[in-house]
Each structure stands twice: as C-alpha cells, then as structure tokens.
C-alpha cells in the first residue's frame, strides 16, 4: 500500500451460545464491517478476545477471514506472543494467507514477565525478517514502556516496522513526539481505544484509527472531514458520537460491538467465554439507547 489511513476496525469473534466458534457469523461480521466503510480490518486483536482463543481456532479464523475478505480491504492479523519463535510463526502464517500486515504488542506475559527494550527490538526484528509490514501496538495491557526513542529506532532500523497504534495514556502527546522524531519512517500513526481520544490524536498527526467494529460508519466521517481540512465539521461529527464512544470505552469494551451486532441481526449470540462476564442489562440497554439516535448500519444490517 502507498499509505495507511482511515478507519481500520477490530473484528469481534462471534461464538455460539455453547461457546464454539460461529464461523458463518464471522463472515457476516466481516461483511458488515466492509459495508460500514472500513478502510481495513484487524482480526484476532484484544477486542477479538484473542486471549480466549486456542491456537487451532486462530488458524481457522485467519484462513477464513482472509479468504472471505478476498482483498476487498486489507486485513491486519494480530500475532502478539511472549515467545519470539511463536510470533514469527504467526507472522509467516498470516503472510502466507494474504494478510496486509501483522499487529503485535511487545513481549510480555502476566504482570512480571516483560521484555527489555533490547529484547523487544529483537522480537520485532525477527518478525520483520518474515517480510510483512508490522503495526506496533502500544497498549497498557502489555505493561511494557515503549519509549519514543525505541519506537523510532525500530521504525528506522527494521524495514517492516511501518505502523504504530498508540493507545497509551496521553496518546496525542506520544503521537506528536513520535512523528516529530521519526519523520517519514512513521508511515502509519494510528490511535485506538475505540477512538475516545480521536480529535486530539488527529491534531497530533494520526492518519488512522483502529476502533471497535460497532459504529465504523459513524466514526469514519470524523477522519474523512478532518483530513479534508474541515476541522469544524470533523469536530461536530465527533460530538455526535462521543457519548456512545465514551460508554463503550468506559463501560463495555468489546462486548458493546457484539451487543449491537446481535441487536442488528449480524450475529446470533453475544456470548463471551468464561471468565468474561456478560454485560449487565442496564449497561447494555444504555449502549443500545445511545446508538439508536445515530441510526448506525450495525443496528439494521441483518434485518
């Protein structure tokens, strides 16, 4: 690709009520995201419940998703793992099946096993040798401090490190510093966290956003208008969706997208595997009530 920009949502992983994979539902999720106007799609991310999915299921979902999307939009496959050899294997598998890029957090496991800056660099370099573009995910979940100098070093010394999903506290400050220090090596500065800081991140130079898959069609105008130079229009578009984004980010997490997709007939179940609890009915009802005035495609797609 010449450039990485726009809205690249994370696809939720649908399950049947018995906890098994809903593969037909997965295809419908991908079609719904494309119909919402997604510029790209990410699979197997944290908002896909990657930590509740077996290795065999990962392979099934990767194959299915890439075959079903069939080049309609680029697909990023998340490959994070503490073991460098496994991250490399996952990257090779994604590349072999036609992924546009892979996304990975730095090596971590639990609360205390974290890669040093040098070990982190080495893992990304090893994955880079596979020859597929890499999105660095700078997320609080890893507990690893990815300093701007380290990120710039990776961007400049590892050819395949091209994209950066910055979703740490005060993401806009880090995006601004990263772009200033890295220059052209920072090919795709993105934000995340359901776009809860999107306006500040766009001001800082973000070219894209990796949101949930809930209201892609409602958030996309924020980016489109901003990059067309209509900052006032972008701000108004964001104000329209801000309460829904806030509720999703602070109360629901990935469960909000599943709830909306069940409500709109995209998937049949919003089951989450144990130990994840289902949404409290009041929290779920508030989410749907915030969505209805927006008239998002997700609430009508399957009806």
C-alpha atoms as a PDB file:
ATOM      1  CA  UNK A   1       0.000   0.000   0.000  1.00  0.00           C
ATOM      2  CA  UNK A   2       1.070   3.558  -0.645  1.00  0.00           C
ATOM      3  CA  UNK A   3      -0.355   4.861   2.606  1.00  0.00           C
ATOM      4  CA  UNK A   4      -2.088   3.713   5.751  1.00  0.00           C
ATOM      5  CA  UNK A   5      -5.004   5.867   6.777  1.00  0.00           C
ATOM      6  CA  UNK A   6      -8.688   5.864   7.632  1.00  0.00           C
ATOM      7  CA  UNK A   7     -10.619   3.607   9.974  1.00  0.00           C
ATOM      8  CA  UNK A   8      -9.478   0.024  10.484  1.00  0.00           C
ATOM      9  CA  UNK A   9     -11.840  -1.598  12.998  1.00  0.00           C
ATOM     10  CA  UNK A  10     -11.163  -4.697  15.041  1.00  0.00           C
ATOM     11  CA  UNK A  11     -13.474  -7.547  14.098  1.00  0.00           C
ATOM     12  CA  UNK A  12     -15.153  -9.237  17.054  1.00  0.00           C
ATOM     13  CA  UNK A  13     -15.033 -13.034  17.203  1.00  0.00           C
ATOM     14  CA  UNK A  14     -18.582 -14.434  17.393  1.00  0.00           C
ATOM     15  CA  UNK A  15     -19.356 -17.569  19.348  1.00  0.00           C
ATOM     16  CA  UNK A  16     -22.446 -19.733  19.547  1.00  0.00           C
ATOM     17  CA  UNK A  17     -24.255 -19.880  22.878  1.00  0.00           C
ATOM     18  CA  UNK A  18     -22.328 -23.073  23.669  1.00  0.00           C
ATOM     19  CA  UNK A  19     -19.009 -21.222  23.293  1.00  0.00           C
ATOM     20  CA  UNK A  20     -17.981 -22.744  19.965  1.00  0.00           C
ATOM     21  CA  UNK A  21     -16.840 -20.554  17.070  1.00  0.00           C
ATOM     22  CA  UNK A  22     -19.609 -19.157  14.881  1.00  0.00           C
ATOM     23  CA  UNK A  23     -17.848 -19.291  11.534  1.00  0.00           C
ATOM     24  CA  UNK A  24     -20.827 -18.156   9.482  1.00  0.00           C
ATOM     25  CA  UNK A  25     -21.213 -15.291  11.959  1.00  0.00           C
ATOM     26  CA  UNK A  26     -17.541 -14.405  11.429  1.00  0.00           C
ATOM     27  CA  UNK A  27     -18.182 -13.993   7.715  1.00  0.00           C
ATOM     28  CA  UNK A  28     -21.184 -11.798   8.450  1.00  0.00           C
ATOM     29  CA  UNK A  29     -19.115  -9.668  10.846  1.00  0.00           C
ATOM     30  CA  UNK A  30     -16.522  -9.077   8.129  1.00  0.00           C
ATOM     31  CA  UNK A  31     -19.179  -8.226   5.529  1.00  0.00           C
ATOM     32  CA  UNK A  32     -20.865  -5.826   7.950  1.00  0.00           C
ATOM     33  CA  UNK A  33     -17.578  -4.040   8.646  1.00  0.00           C
ATOM     34  CA  UNK A  34     -16.888  -3.670   4.931  1.00  0.00           C
ATOM     35  CA  UNK A  35     -20.418  -2.397   4.332  1.00  0.00           C
ATOM     36  CA  UNK A  36     -19.874   0.156   7.112  1.00  0.00           C
ATOM     37  CA  UNK A  37     -16.992   1.580   5.085  1.00  0.00           C
ATOM     38  CA  UNK A  38     -13.989   0.110   6.874  1.00  0.00           C
ATOM     39  CA  UNK A  39     -10.723   1.032   5.152  1.00  0.00           C
ATOM     40  CA  UNK A  40      -9.113  -2.093   6.596  1.00  0.00           C
ATOM     41  CA  UNK A  41      -9.908  -4.735   9.211  1.00  0.00           C
ATOM     42  CA  UNK A  42      -7.915  -6.175  12.101  1.00  0.00           C
ATOM     43  CA  UNK A  43      -8.590  -9.711  13.343  1.00  0.00           C
ATOM     44  CA  UNK A  44      -7.520 -11.644  16.453  1.00  0.00           C
ATOM     45  CA  UNK A  45      -6.869  -8.484  18.453  1.00  0.00           C
ATOM     46  CA  UNK A  46      -7.679  -7.910  22.119  1.00  0.00           C
ATOM     47  CA  UNK A  47     -11.156  -6.732  21.084  1.00  0.00           C
ATOM     48  CA  UNK A  48     -11.430 -10.055  19.191  1.00  0.00           C
ATOM     49  CA  UNK A  49     -10.876 -11.850  22.515  1.00  0.00           C
ATOM     50  CA  UNK A  50      -7.562 -13.261  21.297  1.00  0.00           C
ATOM     51  CA  UNK A  51      -6.674 -14.348  24.842  1.00  0.00           C
ATOM     52  CA  UNK A  52      -9.690 -16.698  24.880  1.00  0.00           C
ATOM     53  CA  UNK A  53      -8.969 -18.376  21.534  1.00  0.00           C
ATOM     54  CA  UNK A  54      -6.924 -21.546  21.004  1.00  0.00           C
ATOM     55  CA  UNK A  55      -4.048 -21.797  18.529  1.00  0.00           C
ATOM     56  CA  UNK A  56      -6.131 -24.097  16.317  1.00  0.00           C
ATOM     57  CA  UNK A  57      -9.002 -21.608  16.360  1.00  0.00           C
ATOM     58  CA  UNK A  58      -6.587 -18.779  15.482  1.00  0.00           C
ATOM     59  CA  UNK A  59      -5.541 -20.662  12.356  1.00  0.00           C
ATOM     60  CA  UNK A  60      -9.161 -21.344  11.393  1.00  0.00           C
ATOM     61  CA  UNK A  61     -10.156 -17.700  11.875  1.00  0.00           C
ATOM     62  CA  UNK A  62      -7.121 -16.383   9.998  1.00  0.00           C
ATOM     63  CA  UNK A  63      -7.771 -18.604   6.984  1.00  0.00           C
ATOM     64  CA  UNK A  64     -11.496 -17.931   6.966  1.00  0.00           C
ATOM     65  CA  UNK A  65     -11.175 -14.173   7.354  1.00  0.00           C
ATOM     66  CA  UNK A  66      -8.546 -13.690   4.668  1.00  0.00           C
ATOM     67  CA  UNK A  67     -10.346 -15.985   2.237  1.00  0.00           C
ATOM     68  CA  UNK A  68     -13.712 -14.338   2.852  1.00  0.00           C
ATOM     69  CA  UNK A  69     -12.492 -10.742   2.670  1.00  0.00           C
ATOM     70  CA  UNK A  70     -10.680 -11.763  -0.512  1.00  0.00           C
ATOM     71  CA  UNK A  71      -8.831  -8.491  -0.956  1.00  0.00           C
ATOM     72  CA  UNK A  72     -11.881  -6.227  -0.653  1.00  0.00           C
ATOM     73  CA  UNK A  73      -9.998  -4.367   2.090  1.00  0.00           C
ATOM     74  CA  UNK A  74      -6.575  -5.025   3.625  1.00  0.00           C
ATOM     75  CA  UNK A  75      -6.510  -7.218   6.726  1.00  0.00           C
ATOM     76  CA  UNK A  76      -4.160  -6.964   9.706  1.00  0.00           C
ATOM     77  CA  UNK A  77      -3.655 -10.138  11.759  1.00  0.00           C
ATOM     78  CA  UNK A  78      -2.672  -9.777  15.418  1.00  0.00           C
ATOM     79  CA  UNK A  79       0.207 -12.104  16.323  1.00  0.00           C
ATOM     80  CA  UNK A  80       1.312 -10.999  19.814  1.00  0.00           C
ATOM     81  CA  UNK A  81       3.063 -13.649  21.911  1.00  0.00           C
ATOM     82  CA  UNK A  82       5.747 -13.654  24.579  1.00  0.00           C
ATOM     83  CA  UNK A  83       7.744 -16.269  22.641  1.00  0.00           C
ATOM     84  CA  UNK A  84       9.533 -14.732  19.685  1.00  0.00           C
ATOM     85  CA  UNK A  85       9.515 -18.020  17.758  1.00  0.00           C
ATOM     86  CA  UNK A  86       5.722 -18.237  18.035  1.00  0.00           C
ATOM     87  CA  UNK A  87       5.272 -14.607  16.980  1.00  0.00           C
ATOM     88  CA  UNK A  88       7.445 -15.348  13.931  1.00  0.00           C
ATOM     89  CA  UNK A  89       5.417 -18.466  13.091  1.00  0.00           C
ATOM     90  CA  UNK A  90       2.181 -16.491  13.376  1.00  0.00           C
ATOM     91  CA  UNK A  91       3.569 -13.742  11.135  1.00  0.00           C
ATOM     92  CA  UNK A  92       4.614 -16.269   8.493  1.00  0.00           C
ATOM     93  CA  UNK A  93       1.174 -17.891   8.610  1.00  0.00           C
ATOM     94  CA  UNK A  94      -0.527 -14.509   8.182  1.00  0.00           C
ATOM     95  CA  UNK A  95       1.750 -13.593   5.285  1.00  0.00           C
ATOM     96  CA  UNK A  96       1.231 -16.960   3.582  1.00  0.00           C
ATOM     97  CA  UNK A  97      -2.525 -16.479   3.688  1.00  0.00           C
ATOM     98  CA  UNK A  98      -2.514 -12.954   2.263  1.00  0.00           C
ATOM     99  CA  UNK A  99      -2.563 -10.582   5.232  1.00  0.00           C
ATOM    100  CA  UNK A 100      -1.612  -6.961   4.547  1.00  0.00           C
ATOM    101  CA  UNK A 101       0.202  -6.599   7.861  1.00  0.00           C
ATOM    102  CA  UNK A 102       0.525  -8.000  11.354  1.00  0.00           C
ATOM    103  CA  UNK A 103      -0.012  -6.244  14.664  1.00  0.00           C
ATOM    104  CA  UNK A 104       1.888  -7.093  17.819  1.00  0.00           C
ATOM    105  CA  UNK A 105       2.456  -5.876  21.324  1.00  0.00           C
ATOM    106  CA  UNK A 106       5.921  -6.093  22.857  1.00  0.00           C
ATOM    107  CA  UNK A 107       6.758  -9.399  24.577  1.00  0.00           C
ATOM    108  CA  UNK A 108       5.012  -9.753  27.931  1.00  0.00           C
ATOM    109  CA  UNK A 109       3.367 -12.461  29.990  1.00  0.00           C
ATOM    110  CA  UNK A 110       1.351 -11.727  33.076  1.00  0.00           C
ATOM    111  CA  UNK A 111       2.306  -8.945  35.433  1.00  0.00           C
ATOM    112  CA  UNK A 112       6.036  -9.560  35.738  1.00  0.00           C
ATOM    113  CA  UNK A 113       7.469 -11.107  32.557  1.00  0.00           C
ATOM    114  CA  UNK A 114       8.255  -8.215  30.257  1.00  0.00           C
ATOM    115  CA  UNK A 115      10.801  -7.856  27.504  1.00  0.00           C
ATOM    116  CA  UNK A 116      13.581  -5.325  27.928  1.00  0.00           C
ATOM    117  CA  UNK A 117      13.889  -2.622  25.253  1.00  0.00           C
ATOM    118  CA  UNK A 118      16.588  -4.683  23.531  1.00  0.00           C
ATOM    119  CA  UNK A 119      14.545  -7.896  23.699  1.00  0.00           C
ATOM    120  CA  UNK A 120      11.564  -6.020  22.323  1.00  0.00           C
ATOM    121  CA  UNK A 121      13.673  -4.700  19.448  1.00  0.00           C
ATOM    122  CA  UNK A 122      14.975  -8.204  18.772  1.00  0.00           C
ATOM    123  CA  UNK A 123      11.491  -9.708  18.663  1.00  0.00           C
ATOM    124  CA  UNK A 124      10.225  -7.089  16.226  1.00  0.00           C
ATOM    125  CA  UNK A 125      13.349  -7.546  14.110  1.00  0.00           C
ATOM    126  CA  UNK A 126      12.775 -11.306  13.988  1.00  0.00           C
ATOM    127  CA  UNK A 127       9.183 -10.819  12.862  1.00  0.00           C
ATOM    128  CA  UNK A 128      10.336  -8.166  10.401  1.00  0.00           C
ATOM    129  CA  UNK A 129      12.545 -10.747   8.732  1.00  0.00           C
ATOM    130  CA  UNK A 130       9.373 -12.557   7.651  1.00  0.00           C
ATOM    131  CA  UNK A 131       8.792  -9.662   5.257  1.00  0.00           C
ATOM    132  CA  UNK A 132       5.330  -8.419   6.193  1.00  0.00           C
ATOM    133  CA  UNK A 133       4.541  -4.895   7.450  1.00  0.00           C
ATOM    134  CA  UNK A 134       4.231  -4.613  11.234  1.00  0.00           C
ATOM    135  CA  UNK A 135       1.948  -2.426  13.332  1.00  0.00           C
ATOM    136  CA  UNK A 136       3.407  -1.831  16.792  1.00  0.00           C
ATOM    137  CA  UNK A 137       0.627  -1.882  19.382  1.00  0.00           C
ATOM    138  CA  UNK A 138       1.483   0.398  22.278  1.00  0.00           C
ATOM    139  CA  UNK A 139      -1.239  -0.629  24.724  1.00  0.00           C
ATOM    140  CA  UNK A 140      -1.408  -0.519  28.532  1.00  0.00           C
ATOM    141  CA  UNK A 141      -2.269  -4.225  28.594  1.00  0.00           C
ATOM    142  CA  UNK A 142       1.355  -5.201  27.951  1.00  0.00           C
ATOM    143  CA  UNK A 143       2.720  -3.173  30.846  1.00  0.00           C
ATOM    144  CA  UNK A 144       5.800  -2.510  28.706  1.00  0.00           C
ATOM    145  CA  UNK A 145       7.052   1.039  28.308  1.00  0.00           C
ATOM    146  CA  UNK A 146       7.722   1.640  24.627  1.00  0.00           C
ATOM    147  CA  UNK A 147       9.686   4.863  24.626  1.00  0.00           C
ATOM    148  CA  UNK A 148       9.644   7.167  21.630  1.00  0.00           C
ATOM    149  CA  UNK A 149      13.399   6.629  21.031  1.00  0.00           C
ATOM    150  CA  UNK A 150      12.830   2.847  20.963  1.00  0.00           C
ATOM    151  CA  UNK A 151       9.887   3.158  18.573  1.00  0.00           C
ATOM    152  CA  UNK A 152      11.862   5.465  16.283  1.00  0.00           C
ATOM    153  CA  UNK A 153      14.816   3.083  16.341  1.00  0.00           C
ATOM    154  CA  UNK A 154      12.532   0.204  15.330  1.00  0.00           C
ATOM    155  CA  UNK A 155      10.959   2.290  12.569  1.00  0.00           C
ATOM    156  CA  UNK A 156      14.328   3.293  11.158  1.00  0.00           C
ATOM    157  CA  UNK A 157      16.262   0.047  11.597  1.00  0.00           C
ATOM    158  CA  UNK A 158      13.572  -2.592  10.971  1.00  0.00           C
ATOM    159  CA  UNK A 159      12.250  -2.100   7.451  1.00  0.00           C
ATOM    160  CA  UNK A 160       8.900  -3.772   8.104  1.00  0.00           C
ATOM    161  CA  UNK A 161       8.002  -1.697  11.177  1.00  0.00           C
ATOM    162  CA  UNK A 162       5.762   0.835   9.483  1.00  0.00           C
ATOM    163  CA  UNK A 163       2.611   1.328  11.571  1.00  0.00           C
ATOM    164  CA  UNK A 164       2.039   2.398  15.151  1.00  0.00           C
ATOM    165  CA  UNK A 165      -1.148   2.028  17.152  1.00  0.00           C
ATOM    166  CA  UNK A 166      -0.699   4.365  20.094  1.00  0.00           C
ATOM    167  CA  UNK A 167      -3.278   3.847  22.840  1.00  0.00           C
ATOM    168  CA  UNK A 168      -1.317   4.617  25.960  1.00  0.00           C
ATOM    169  CA  UNK A 169      -2.310   7.429  28.346  1.00  0.00           C
ATOM    170  CA  UNK A 170      -1.906  10.863  26.690  1.00  0.00           C
ATOM    171  CA  UNK A 171      -1.675   9.212  23.293  1.00  0.00           C
ATOM    172  CA  UNK A 172      -1.715  12.542  21.438  1.00  0.00           C
ATOM    173  CA  UNK A 173       1.488  13.694  23.122  1.00  0.00           C
ATOM    174  CA  UNK A 174       3.231  10.449  22.207  1.00  0.00           C
ATOM    175  CA  UNK A 175       1.951  10.515  18.627  1.00  0.00           C
ATOM    176  CA  UNK A 176       3.190  14.065  18.204  1.00  0.00           C
ATOM    177  CA  UNK A 177       6.624  13.225  19.630  1.00  0.00           C
ATOM    178  CA  UNK A 178       6.842  10.016  17.583  1.00  0.00           C
ATOM    179  CA  UNK A 179       6.020  11.745  14.300  1.00  0.00           C
ATOM    180  CA  UNK A 180       8.418  14.600  15.039  1.00  0.00           C
ATOM    181  CA  UNK A 181      11.291  12.262  15.884  1.00  0.00           C
ATOM    182  CA  UNK A 182      10.609   9.558  13.304  1.00  0.00           C
ATOM    183  CA  UNK A 183       9.596  11.598  10.278  1.00  0.00           C
ATOM    184  CA  UNK A 184       8.963   9.578   7.137  1.00  0.00           C
ATOM    185  CA  UNK A 185       9.759   6.317   8.942  1.00  0.00           C
ATOM    186  CA  UNK A 186       6.413   6.614  10.742  1.00  0.00           C
ATOM    187  CA  UNK A 187       4.250   5.568   7.799  1.00  0.00           C
ATOM    188  CA  UNK A 188       1.002   4.904   9.648  1.00  0.00           C
ATOM    189  CA  UNK A 189       0.461   6.610  13.011  1.00  0.00           C
ATOM    190  CA  UNK A 190      -2.874   5.350  14.372  1.00  0.00           C
ATOM    191  CA  UNK A 191      -4.779   5.712  17.594  1.00  0.00           C
ATOM    192  CA  UNK A 192      -7.012   3.125  19.264  1.00  0.00           C
ATOM    193  CA  UNK A 193      -9.131   2.813  22.409  1.00  0.00           C
ATOM    194  CA  UNK A 194     -12.394   2.994  20.495  1.00  0.00           C
ATOM    195  CA  UNK A 195     -11.417   6.488  19.253  1.00  0.00           C
ATOM    196  CA  UNK A 196     -12.080   8.037  22.658  1.00  0.00           C
ATOM    197  CA  UNK A 197      -9.178  10.479  22.077  1.00  0.00           C
ATOM    198  CA  UNK A 198      -9.583  10.747  18.307  1.00  0.00           C
ATOM    199  CA  UNK A 199      -9.763  14.535  17.891  1.00  0.00           C
ATOM    200  CA  UNK A 200      -6.629  15.177  19.935  1.00  0.00           C
ATOM    201  CA  UNK A 201      -4.874  12.338  18.134  1.00  0.00           C
ATOM    202  CA  UNK A 202      -5.792  13.743  14.720  1.00  0.00           C
ATOM    203  CA  UNK A 203      -4.454  17.115  15.849  1.00  0.00           C
ATOM    204  CA  UNK A 204      -1.223  15.311  16.741  1.00  0.00           C
ATOM    205  CA  UNK A 205      -0.908  13.834  13.251  1.00  0.00           C
ATOM    206  CA  UNK A 206      -2.656  10.464  13.391  1.00  0.00           C
ATOM    207  CA  UNK A 207      -3.562   9.251   9.900  1.00  0.00           C
ATOM    208  CA  UNK A 208      -5.875   6.490  11.051  1.00  0.00           C
ATOM    209  CA  UNK A 209      -7.814   4.956  13.901  1.00  0.00           C
ATOM    210  CA  UNK A 210      -8.331   1.353  14.956  1.00  0.00           C
ATOM    211  CA  UNK A 211     -11.726   1.385  16.626  1.00  0.00           C
ATOM    212  CA  UNK A 212     -14.134  -1.367  17.544  1.00  0.00           C
ATOM    213  CA  UNK A 213     -16.448  -2.590  14.803  1.00  0.00           C
ATOM    214  CA  UNK A 214     -19.557  -1.082  16.340  1.00  0.00           C
ATOM    215  CA  UNK A 215     -20.127   2.245  14.549  1.00  0.00           C
ATOM    216  CA  UNK A 216     -17.463   2.409  11.844  1.00  0.00           C
ATOM    217  CA  UNK A 217     -19.827   4.294   9.531  1.00  0.00           C
ATOM    218  CA  UNK A 218     -20.479   6.929  12.207  1.00  0.00           C
ATOM    219  CA  UNK A 219     -16.829   7.484  13.170  1.00  0.00           C
ATOM    220  CA  UNK A 220     -15.382   7.437   9.654  1.00  0.00           C
ATOM    221  CA  UNK A 221     -16.694  10.948   8.800  1.00  0.00           C
ATOM    222  CA  UNK A 222     -14.634  12.352  11.686  1.00  0.00           C
ATOM    223  CA  UNK A 223     -11.446  11.236   9.938  1.00  0.00           C
ATOM    224  CA  UNK A 224     -12.636  11.987   6.410  1.00  0.00           C
ATOM    225  CA  UNK A 225     -13.690  15.538   7.229  1.00  0.00           C
ATOM    226  CA  UNK A 226     -10.563  16.226   9.280  1.00  0.00           C
ATOM    227  CA  UNK A 227      -8.200  15.090   6.548  1.00  0.00           C
ATOM    228  CA  UNK A 228     -10.185  17.130   4.005  1.00  0.00           C
ATOM    229  CA  UNK A 229      -9.437  20.218   6.080  1.00  0.00           C
ATOM    230  CA  UNK A 230     -12.906  20.591   7.599  1.00  0.00           C
ATOM    231  CA  UNK A 231     -11.908  20.606  11.254  1.00  0.00           C
ATOM    232  CA  UNK A 232     -15.184  22.172  12.384  1.00  0.00           C
ATOM    233  CA  UNK A 233     -17.187  19.540  10.529  1.00  0.00           C
ATOM    234  CA  UNK A 234     -14.991  16.804  11.968  1.00  0.00           C
ATOM    235  CA  UNK A 235     -15.491  18.166  15.469  1.00  0.00           C
ATOM    236  CA  UNK A 236     -19.258  18.236  15.003  1.00  0.00           C
ATOM    237  CA  UNK A 237     -19.227  14.682  13.659  1.00  0.00           C
ATOM    238  CA  UNK A 238     -17.272  13.565  16.706  1.00  0.00           C
ATOM    239  CA  UNK A 239     -19.614  15.364  19.108  1.00  0.00           C
ATOM    240  CA  UNK A 240     -22.473  13.365  17.615  1.00  0.00           C
ATOM    241  CA  UNK A 241     -20.907  10.014  18.547  1.00  0.00           C
ATOM    242  CA  UNK A 242     -18.937  10.988  21.653  1.00  0.00           C
ATOM    243  CA  UNK A 243     -21.382   9.666  24.253  1.00  0.00           C
ATOM    244  CA  UNK A 244     -21.610   6.270  22.573  1.00  0.00           C
ATOM    245  CA  UNK A 245     -17.827   6.043  22.318  1.00  0.00           C
ATOM    246  CA  UNK A 246     -17.440   7.040  25.959  1.00  0.00           C
ATOM    247  CA  UNK A 247     -19.938   4.424  27.144  1.00  0.00           C
ATOM    248  CA  UNK A 248     -18.282   1.743  25.027  1.00  0.00           C
ATOM    249  CA  UNK A 249     -14.807   2.608  26.253  1.00  0.00           C
ATOM    250  CA  UNK A 250     -15.602   3.065  29.941  1.00  0.00           C
ATOM    251  CA  UNK A 251     -18.363   0.511  30.500  1.00  0.00           C
ATOM    252  CA  UNK A 252     -18.450  -2.181  27.829  1.00  0.00           C
ATOM    253  CA  UNK A 253     -15.251  -2.912  25.949  1.00  0.00           C
ATOM    254  CA  UNK A 254     -15.604  -5.351  23.058  1.00  0.00           C
ATOM    255  CA  UNK A 255     -18.927  -6.605  24.400  1.00  0.00           C
ATOM    256  CA  UNK A 256     -20.656  -3.468  23.086  1.00  0.00           C
ATOM    257  CA  UNK A 257     -19.924  -4.371  19.459  1.00  0.00           C
ATOM    258  CA  UNK A 258     -21.294  -7.869  19.962  1.00  0.00           C
ATOM    259  CA  UNK A 259     -24.429  -6.492  21.613  1.00  0.00           C
ATOM    260  CA  UNK A 260     -25.014  -4.087  18.726  1.00  0.00           C
ATOM    261  CA  UNK A 261     -24.411  -6.827  16.167  1.00  0.00           C
ATOM    262  CA  UNK A 262     -26.929  -9.107  17.883  1.00  0.00           C
ATOM    263  CA  UNK A 263     -29.406  -6.228  18.032  1.00  0.00           C
ATOM    264  CA  UNK A 264     -28.979  -5.661  14.298  1.00  0.00           C
ATOM    265  CA  UNK A 265     -29.106  -9.311  13.278  1.00  0.00           C
ATOM    266  CA  UNK A 266     -25.451  -9.508  12.216  1.00  0.00           C
ATOM    267  CA  UNK A 267     -24.716 -12.351  14.648  1.00  0.00           C
ATOM    268  CA  UNK A 268     -26.969 -14.535  16.770  1.00  0.00           C
ATOM    269  CA  UNK A 269     -25.130 -14.579  20.106  1.00  0.00           C
ATOM    270  CA  UNK A 270     -23.102 -12.145  22.176  1.00  0.00           C
ATOM    271  CA  UNK A 271     -21.635 -14.980  24.229  1.00  0.00           C
ATOM    272  CA  UNK A 272     -18.294 -14.283  25.893  1.00  0.00           C
ATOM    273  CA  UNK A 273     -16.154 -17.153  27.105  1.00  0.00           C
ATOM    274  CA  UNK A 274     -15.506 -17.563  30.808  1.00  0.00           C
ATOM    275  CA  UNK A 275     -14.107 -15.809  32.800  1.00  0.00           C
ATOM    276  CA  UNK A 276     -15.512 -12.808  30.890  1.00  0.00           C
ATOM    277  CA  UNK A 277     -18.894 -11.769  32.265  1.00  0.00           C
ATOM    278  CA  UNK A 278     -21.775 -10.717  30.050  1.00  0.00           C
ATOM    279  CA  UNK A 279     -22.837  -7.080  30.043  1.00  0.00           C
ATOM    280  CA  UNK A 280     -25.189  -6.025  32.823  1.00  0.00           C
ATOM    281  CA  UNK A 281     -28.624  -5.482  31.236  1.00  0.00           C
ATOM    282  CA  UNK A 282     -28.687  -1.831  32.311  1.00  0.00           C
ATOM    283  CA  UNK A 283     -25.262  -1.200  30.770  1.00  0.00           C
ATOM    284  CA  UNK A 284     -26.319  -2.981  27.585  1.00  0.00           C
ATOM    285  CA  UNK A 285     -29.610  -1.113  27.360  1.00  0.00           C
ATOM    286  CA  UNK A 286     -27.862   2.222  27.796  1.00  0.00           C
ATOM    287  CA  UNK A 287     -25.440   1.308  24.991  1.00  0.00           C
ATOM    288  CA  UNK A 288     -28.239   0.469  22.577  1.00  0.00           C
ATOM    289  CA  UNK A 289     -30.204   3.583  23.587  1.00  0.00           C
ATOM    290  CA  UNK A 290     -27.146   5.725  22.811  1.00  0.00           C
ATOM    291  CA  UNK A 291     -26.767   4.058  19.423  1.00  0.00           C
ATOM    292  CA  UNK A 292     -30.353   4.283  18.171  1.00  0.00           C
ATOM    293  CA  UNK A 293     -30.409   8.069  17.516  1.00  0.00           C
ATOM    294  CA  UNK A 294     -27.253   7.685  15.425  1.00  0.00           C
ATOM    295  CA  UNK A 295     -29.018   5.194  13.107  1.00  0.00           C
ATOM    296  CA  UNK A 296     -25.846   3.159  12.537  1.00  0.00           C
ATOM    297  CA  UNK A 297     -25.787   0.426   9.903  1.00  0.00           C
ATOM    298  CA  UNK A 298     -24.972  -2.183  12.547  1.00  0.00           C
ATOM    299  CA  UNK A 299     -28.496  -1.934  14.014  1.00  0.00           C
ATOM    300  CA  UNK A 300     -30.206  -2.693  10.684  1.00  0.00           C
ATOM    301  CA  UNK A 301     -27.638  -4.671   8.663  1.00  0.00           C
ATOM    302  CA  UNK A 302     -29.085  -8.117   9.326  1.00  0.00           C
ATOM    303  CA  UNK A 303     -32.764  -7.199   9.368  1.00  0.00           C
END
